[in-house]
Amino acid sequence: MVRIAKNTDPKKLAELKKKIDDKKYLNRAILTIANTLTKEIYQLNEE
């Protein structure tokens, strides 16, 4: 399957660039990803 990138919104992109420099935001994002992956791994092991 080929995905075609959507046009980027310059305003949203600027907001994201600011968030990336915010350590609290980045830490929260990383923890959210880690928690999601952990839950999915546990679910796979339970099947």
PDB file of N, CA and C in Angstrom:
ATOM      1  N   MET A   1       0.849  -1.176   0.000  1.00  0.00           N
ATOM      2  CA  MET A   1       0.000   0.000   0.000  1.00  0.00           C
ATOM      3  C   MET A   1       0.895   1.240   0.000  1.00  0.00           C
ATOM      4  N   VAL A   2       0.554   2.180  -0.815  1.00  0.00           N
ATOM      5  CA  VAL A   2       1.312   3.423  -0.917  1.00  0.00           C
ATOM      6  C   VAL A   2       0.485   4.539  -0.295  1.00  0.00           C
ATOM      7  N   ARG A   3       1.103   5.288   0.584  1.00  0.00           N
ATOM      8  CA  ARG A   3       0.412   6.414   1.209  1.00  0.00           C
ATOM      9  C   ARG A   3       0.929   7.699   0.599  1.00  0.00           C
ATOM     10  N   ILE A   4       0.018   8.575   0.290  1.00  0.00           N
ATOM     11  CA  ILE A   4       0.386   9.873  -0.266  1.00  0.00           C
ATOM     12  C   ILE A   4       0.285  10.908   0.849  1.00  0.00           C
ATOM     13  N   ALA A   5       1.354  11.654   1.021  1.00  0.00           N
ATOM     14  CA  ALA A   5       1.386  12.656   2.087  1.00  0.00           C
ATOM     15  C   ALA A   5       0.376  13.761   1.801  1.00  0.00           C
ATOM     16  N   LYS A   6      -0.285  14.189   2.862  1.00  0.00           N
ATOM     17  CA  LYS A   6      -1.226  15.301   2.742  1.00  0.00           C
ATOM     18  C   LYS A   6      -0.446  16.609   2.788  1.00  0.00           C
ATOM     19  N   ASN A   7      -1.063  17.656   2.293  1.00  0.00           N
ATOM     20  CA  ASN A   7      -0.435  18.977   2.400  1.00  0.00           C
ATOM     21  C   ASN A   7      -0.308  19.340   3.870  1.00  0.00           C
ATOM     22  N   THR A   8       0.821  19.902   4.243  1.00  0.00           N
ATOM     23  CA  THR A   8       1.028  20.266   5.639  1.00  0.00           C
ATOM     24  C   THR A   8       0.481  21.655   5.916  1.00  0.00           C
ATOM     25  N   ASP A   9      -0.032  21.793   7.107  1.00  0.00           N
ATOM     26  CA  ASP A   9      -0.558  23.083   7.554  1.00  0.00           C
ATOM     27  C   ASP A   9       0.594  23.826   8.234  1.00  0.00           C
ATOM     28  N   PRO A  10       1.051  24.934   7.678  1.00  0.00           N
ATOM     29  CA  PRO A  10       2.201  25.655   8.242  1.00  0.00           C
ATOM     30  C   PRO A  10       1.986  26.054   9.701  1.00  0.00           C
ATOM     31  N   LYS A  11       0.755  26.377  10.061  1.00  0.00           N
ATOM     32  CA  LYS A  11       0.474  26.780  11.439  1.00  0.00           C
ATOM     33  C   LYS A  11       0.670  25.595  12.396  1.00  0.00           C
ATOM     34  N   LYS A  12       0.136  24.431  12.025  1.00  0.00           N
ATOM     35  CA  LYS A  12       0.288  23.235  12.860  1.00  0.00           C
ATOM     36  C   LYS A  12       1.745  22.798  12.928  1.00  0.00           C
ATOM     37  N   LEU A  13       2.443  22.929  11.805  1.00  0.00           N
ATOM     38  CA  LEU A  13       3.850  22.557  11.766  1.00  0.00           C
ATOM     39  C   LEU A  13       4.675  23.443  12.698  1.00  0.00           C
ATOM     40  N   ALA A  14       4.382  24.726  12.722  1.00  0.00           N
ATOM     41  CA  ALA A  14       5.090  25.654  13.613  1.00  0.00           C
ATOM     42  C   ALA A  14       4.813  25.306  15.073  1.00  0.00           C
ATOM     43  N   GLU A  15       3.556  24.937  15.379  1.00  0.00           N
ATOM     44  CA  GLU A  15       3.209  24.547  16.751  1.00  0.00           C
ATOM     45  C   GLU A  15       3.977  23.298  17.161  1.00  0.00           C
ATOM     46  N   LEU A  16       4.054  22.326  16.259  1.00  0.00           N
ATOM     47  CA  LEU A  16       4.774  21.092  16.555  1.00  0.00           C
ATOM     48  C   LEU A  16       6.258  21.356  16.781  1.00  0.00           C
ATOM     49  N   LYS A  17       6.841  22.231  15.989  1.00  0.00           N
ATOM     50  CA  LYS A  17       8.260  22.565  16.165  1.00  0.00           C
ATOM     51  C   LYS A  17       8.511  23.183  17.533  1.00  0.00           C
ATOM     52  N   LYS A  18       7.581  23.991  18.029  1.00  0.00           N
ATOM     53  CA  LYS A  18       7.716  24.570  19.367  1.00  0.00           C
ATOM     54  C   LYS A  18       7.610  23.485  20.424  1.00  0.00           C
ATOM     55  N   LYS A  19       6.677  22.546  20.227  1.00  0.00           N
ATOM     56  CA  LYS A  19       6.473  21.472  21.201  1.00  0.00           C
ATOM     57  C   LYS A  19       7.691  20.567  21.297  1.00  0.00           C
ATOM     58  N   ILE A  20       8.365  20.332  20.182  1.00  0.00           N
ATOM     59  CA  ILE A  20       9.528  19.453  20.178  1.00  0.00           C
ATOM     60  C   ILE A  20      10.635  20.011  21.062  1.00  0.00           C
ATOM     61  N   ASP A  21      10.725  21.315  21.175  1.00  0.00           N
ATOM     62  CA  ASP A  21      11.735  21.935  22.032  1.00  0.00           C
ATOM     63  C   ASP A  21      11.339  21.923  23.502  1.00  0.00           C
ATOM     64  N   ASP A  22      10.093  21.579  23.808  1.00  0.00           N
ATOM     65  CA  ASP A  22       9.593  21.539  25.181  1.00  0.00           C
ATOM     66  C   ASP A  22       9.856  20.149  25.768  1.00  0.00           C
ATOM     67  N   LYS A  23      10.763  20.067  26.735  1.00  0.00           N
ATOM     68  CA  LYS A  23      11.154  18.768  27.302  1.00  0.00           C
ATOM     69  C   LYS A  23       9.985  18.050  27.966  1.00  0.00           C
ATOM     70  N   LYS A  24       9.113  18.791  28.635  1.00  0.00           N
ATOM     71  CA  LYS A  24       7.956  18.153  29.275  1.00  0.00           C
ATOM     72  C   LYS A  24       7.045  17.508  28.235  1.00  0.00           C
ATOM     73  N   TYR A  25       6.808  18.215  27.150  1.00  0.00           N
ATOM     74  CA  TYR A  25       5.964  17.678  26.080  1.00  0.00           C
ATOM     75  C   TYR A  25       6.601  16.422  25.487  1.00  0.00           C
ATOM     76  N   LEU A  26       7.886  16.497  25.220  1.00  0.00           N
ATOM     77  CA  LEU A  26       8.599  15.372  24.620  1.00  0.00           C
ATOM     78  C   LEU A  26       8.591  14.157  25.541  1.00  0.00           C
ATOM     79  N   ASN A  27       8.833  14.383  26.829  1.00  0.00           N
ATOM     80  CA  ASN A  27       8.802  13.279  27.794  1.00  0.00           C
ATOM     81  C   ASN A  27       7.422  12.632  27.853  1.00  0.00           C
ATOM     82  N   ARG A  28       6.388  13.460  27.857  1.00  0.00           N
ATOM     83  CA  ARG A  28       5.013  12.940  27.906  1.00  0.00           C
ATOM     84  C   ARG A  28       4.713  12.131  26.641  1.00  0.00           C
ATOM     85  N   ALA A  29       5.145  12.629  25.500  1.00  0.00           N
ATOM     86  CA  ALA A  29       4.910  11.925  24.237  1.00  0.00           C
ATOM     87  C   ALA A  29       5.624  10.579  24.218  1.00  0.00           C
ATOM     88  N   ILE A  30       6.862  10.553  24.685  1.00  0.00           N
ATOM     89  CA  ILE A  30       7.632   9.308  24.715  1.00  0.00           C
ATOM     90  C   ILE A  30       6.988   8.311  25.671  1.00  0.00           C
ATOM     91  N   LEU A  31       6.549   8.772  26.834  1.00  0.00           N
ATOM     92  CA  LEU A  31       5.887   7.878  27.786  1.00  0.00           C
ATOM     93  C   LEU A  31       4.580   7.325  27.225  1.00  0.00           C
ATOM     94  N   THR A  32       3.845   8.146  26.519  1.00  0.00           N
ATOM     95  CA  THR A  32       2.598   7.695  25.914  1.00  0.00           C
ATOM     96  C   THR A  32       2.864   6.602  24.884  1.00  0.00           C
ATOM     97  N   ILE A  33       3.872   6.809  24.056  1.00  0.00           N
ATOM     98  CA  ILE A  33       4.231   5.804  23.048  1.00  0.00           C
ATOM     99  C   ILE A  33       4.688   4.509  23.737  1.00  0.00           C
ATOM    100  N   ALA A  34       5.516   4.634  24.746  1.00  0.00           N
ATOM    101  CA  ALA A  34       6.018   3.458  25.457  1.00  0.00           C
ATOM    102  C   ALA A  34       4.873   2.689  26.115  1.00  0.00           C
ATOM    103  N   ASN A  35       3.938   3.397  26.744  1.00  0.00           N
ATOM    104  CA  ASN A  35       2.802   2.740  27.381  1.00  0.00           C
ATOM    105  C   ASN A  35       1.928   2.024  26.362  1.00  0.00           C
ATOM    106  N   THR A  36       1.678   2.664  25.245  1.00  0.00           N
ATOM    107  CA  THR A  36       0.861   2.055  24.199  1.00  0.00           C
ATOM    108  C   THR A  36       1.515   0.789  23.666  1.00  0.00           C
ATOM    109  N   LEU A  37       2.807   0.852  23.390  1.00  0.00           N
ATOM    110  CA  LEU A  37       3.521  -0.323  22.888  1.00  0.00           C
ATOM    111  C   LEU A  37       3.531  -1.448  23.916  1.00  0.00           C
ATOM    112  N   THR A  38       3.733  -1.108  25.179  1.00  0.00           N
ATOM    113  CA  THR A  38       3.746  -2.115  26.236  1.00  0.00           C
ATOM    114  C   THR A  38       2.400  -2.821  26.329  1.00  0.00           C
ATOM    115  N   LYS A  39       1.315  -2.056  26.307  1.00  0.00           N
ATOM    116  CA  LYS A  39      -0.026  -2.649  26.369  1.00  0.00           C
ATOM    117  C   LYS A  39      -0.267  -3.580  25.186  1.00  0.00           C
ATOM    118  N   GLU A  40       0.145  -3.157  23.995  1.00  0.00           N
ATOM    119  CA  GLU A  40      -0.056  -3.976  22.809  1.00  0.00           C
ATOM    120  C   GLU A  40       0.769  -5.261  22.871  1.00  0.00           C
ATOM    121  N   ILE A  41       1.973  -5.182  23.391  1.00  0.00           N
ATOM    122  CA  ILE A  41       2.812  -6.375  23.530  1.00  0.00           C
ATOM    123  C   ILE A  41       2.169  -7.346  24.519  1.00  0.00           C
ATOM    124  N   TYR A  42       1.683  -6.846  25.644  1.00  0.00           N
ATOM    125  CA  TYR A  42       1.022  -7.712  26.615  1.00  0.00           C
ATOM    126  C   TYR A  42      -0.211  -8.370  26.023  1.00  0.00           C
ATOM    127  N   GLN A  43      -0.959  -7.635  25.227  1.00  0.00           N
ATOM    128  CA  GLN A  43      -2.157  -8.196  24.592  1.00  0.00           C
ATOM    129  C   GLN A  43      -1.787  -9.293  23.612  1.00  0.00           C
ATOM    130  N   LEU A  44      -0.698  -9.107  22.872  1.00  0.00           N
ATOM    131  CA  LEU A  44      -0.250 -10.147  21.944  1.00  0.00           C
ATOM    132  C   LEU A  44       0.168 -11.415  22.684  1.00  0.00           C
ATOM    133  N   ASN A  45       0.812 -11.241  23.837  1.00  0.00           N
ATOM    134  CA  ASN A  45       1.262 -12.386  24.617  1.00  0.00           C
ATOM    135  C   ASN A  45       0.114 -13.125  25.271  1.00  0.00           C
ATOM    136  N   GLU A  46      -1.006 -12.455  25.516  1.00  0.00           N
ATOM    137  CA  GLU A  46      -2.149 -13.092  26.152  1.00  0.00           C
ATOM    138  C   GLU A  46      -2.965 -13.933  25.175  1.00  0.00           C
ATOM    139  N   GLU A  47      -2.801 -13.684  23.886  1.00  0.00           N
ATOM    140  CA  GLU A  47      -3.589 -14.407  22.889  1.00  0.00           C
ATOM    141  C   GLU A  47      -3.099 -15.806  22.683  1.00  0.00           C
TER     142      GLU A  47
END
